[in-house]
Amino acid sequence: MTIRIEKEIQKLKTKIRLSGRLQSKHLGALKTQLEGAQSRIALDLNGVTLVDVEIVRFLNDCEKNGVELLHCWPYIQEWMSREKGREE
């Protein structure tokens, strides 16, 4: 399964919906979507079925830089917390 990236630009927020299995090979495409945003960014992870460790680290960096994570699955949140603990 490939990933699907849908971008919705509103006046005050850019929402990027992600679906599928996110892997490190998709980081370039994700970063490209984030770079062009002119407003606050929100990543909607509702359609994400699987992630790898590089994506988890990327999501931690996004969150640290003010990107809002919407509909983040509990297993991803837990993994993100564990990765944050390793960074400290």
Protein backbone atom coordinates (compact mmCIF):
# COMPACT_ATOMS: atom_id res chain seq x y z
CA MET A 1 0.00 0.00 0.00
CA THR A 2 1.27 3.45 -0.82
CA ILE A 3 0.69 6.62 1.10
CA ARG A 4 -1.78 9.29 0.18
CA ILE A 5 -1.19 12.93 1.02
CA GLU A 6 -4.06 15.41 0.75
CA LYS A 7 -3.49 19.07 1.46
CA GLU A 8 -6.30 21.41 2.49
CA ILE A 9 -5.39 25.07 2.76
CA GLN A 10 -7.62 27.24 4.87
CA LYS A 11 -7.15 30.87 5.86
CA LEU A 12 -5.39 30.23 9.18
CA LYS A 13 -4.37 26.59 8.92
CA THR A 14 -2.95 24.11 6.43
CA LYS A 15 -4.23 20.61 7.09
CA ILE A 16 -2.34 17.69 5.61
CA ARG A 17 -4.19 14.37 5.70
CA LEU A 18 -2.02 11.26 5.61
CA SER A 19 -3.21 7.75 4.79
CA GLY A 20 -1.48 4.41 4.50
CA ARG A 21 1.82 3.02 5.73
CA LEU A 22 4.28 5.82 6.42
CA GLN A 23 7.91 4.84 6.11
CA SER A 24 11.21 6.68 6.05
CA LYS A 25 11.18 6.60 2.24
CA HIS A 26 8.20 9.00 2.37
CA LEU A 27 9.99 11.66 4.44
CA GLY A 28 11.02 13.70 1.40
CA ALA A 29 7.42 14.03 0.21
CA LEU A 30 6.21 14.89 3.72
CA LYS A 31 8.86 17.55 4.22
CA THR A 32 8.03 19.08 0.83
CA GLN A 33 4.38 19.43 1.86
CA LEU A 34 5.36 21.14 5.12
CA GLU A 35 7.84 23.56 3.55
CA GLY A 36 5.34 25.36 1.36
CA ALA A 37 2.80 26.08 4.09
CA GLN A 38 2.06 29.76 4.71
CA SER A 39 -0.04 29.19 7.83
CA ARG A 40 -0.16 26.94 10.90
CA ILE A 41 0.19 23.29 9.98
CA ALA A 42 -1.82 20.32 11.20
CA LEU A 43 -1.07 16.71 10.26
CA ASP A 44 -4.16 14.50 10.30
CA LEU A 45 -3.00 10.94 10.99
CA ASN A 46 -6.43 9.30 11.07
CA GLY A 47 -5.77 7.21 7.95
CA VAL A 48 -2.28 6.11 8.94
CA THR A 49 -2.08 2.35 9.47
CA LEU A 50 1.62 1.82 10.17
CA VAL A 51 4.75 3.90 10.86
CA ASP A 52 8.45 3.19 11.29
CA VAL A 53 10.91 4.69 13.76
CA GLU A 54 12.08 7.44 11.39
CA ILE A 55 8.49 8.63 10.95
CA VAL A 56 8.03 8.64 14.73
CA ARG A 57 11.15 10.80 15.12
CA PHE A 58 9.90 13.06 12.32
CA LEU A 59 6.54 13.47 14.09
CA ASN A 60 8.35 14.37 17.32
CA ASP A 61 10.32 17.04 15.45
CA CYS A 62 7.13 18.34 13.85
CA GLU A 63 5.40 18.59 17.20
CA LYS A 64 8.44 20.33 18.71
CA ASN A 65 8.26 22.88 15.88
CA GLY A 66 4.59 23.69 16.47
CA VAL A 67 2.90 21.32 14.02
CA GLU A 68 -0.42 20.09 15.40
CA LEU A 69 -0.97 16.32 15.23
CA LEU A 70 -4.62 15.37 14.74
CA HIS A 71 -6.12 11.92 15.27
CA CYS A 72 -2.80 10.41 16.30
CA TRP A 73 -3.30 6.76 17.18
CA PRO A 74 -2.43 5.75 20.79
CA TYR A 75 0.29 3.32 19.68
CA ILE A 76 1.99 6.14 17.75
CA GLN A 77 1.69 8.52 20.72
CA GLU A 78 3.23 5.90 23.01
CA TRP A 79 6.09 5.28 20.59
CA MET A 80 6.66 9.02 20.26
CA SER A 81 6.88 9.31 24.06
CA ARG A 82 9.41 6.49 24.26
CA GLU A 83 11.53 8.09 21.52
CA LYS A 84 11.44 11.44 23.32
CA GLY A 85 12.76 9.68 26.43
CA ARG A 86 15.69 8.27 24.47
CA GLU A 87 16.60 11.70 23.10
CA GLU A 88 16.91 13.27 26.55
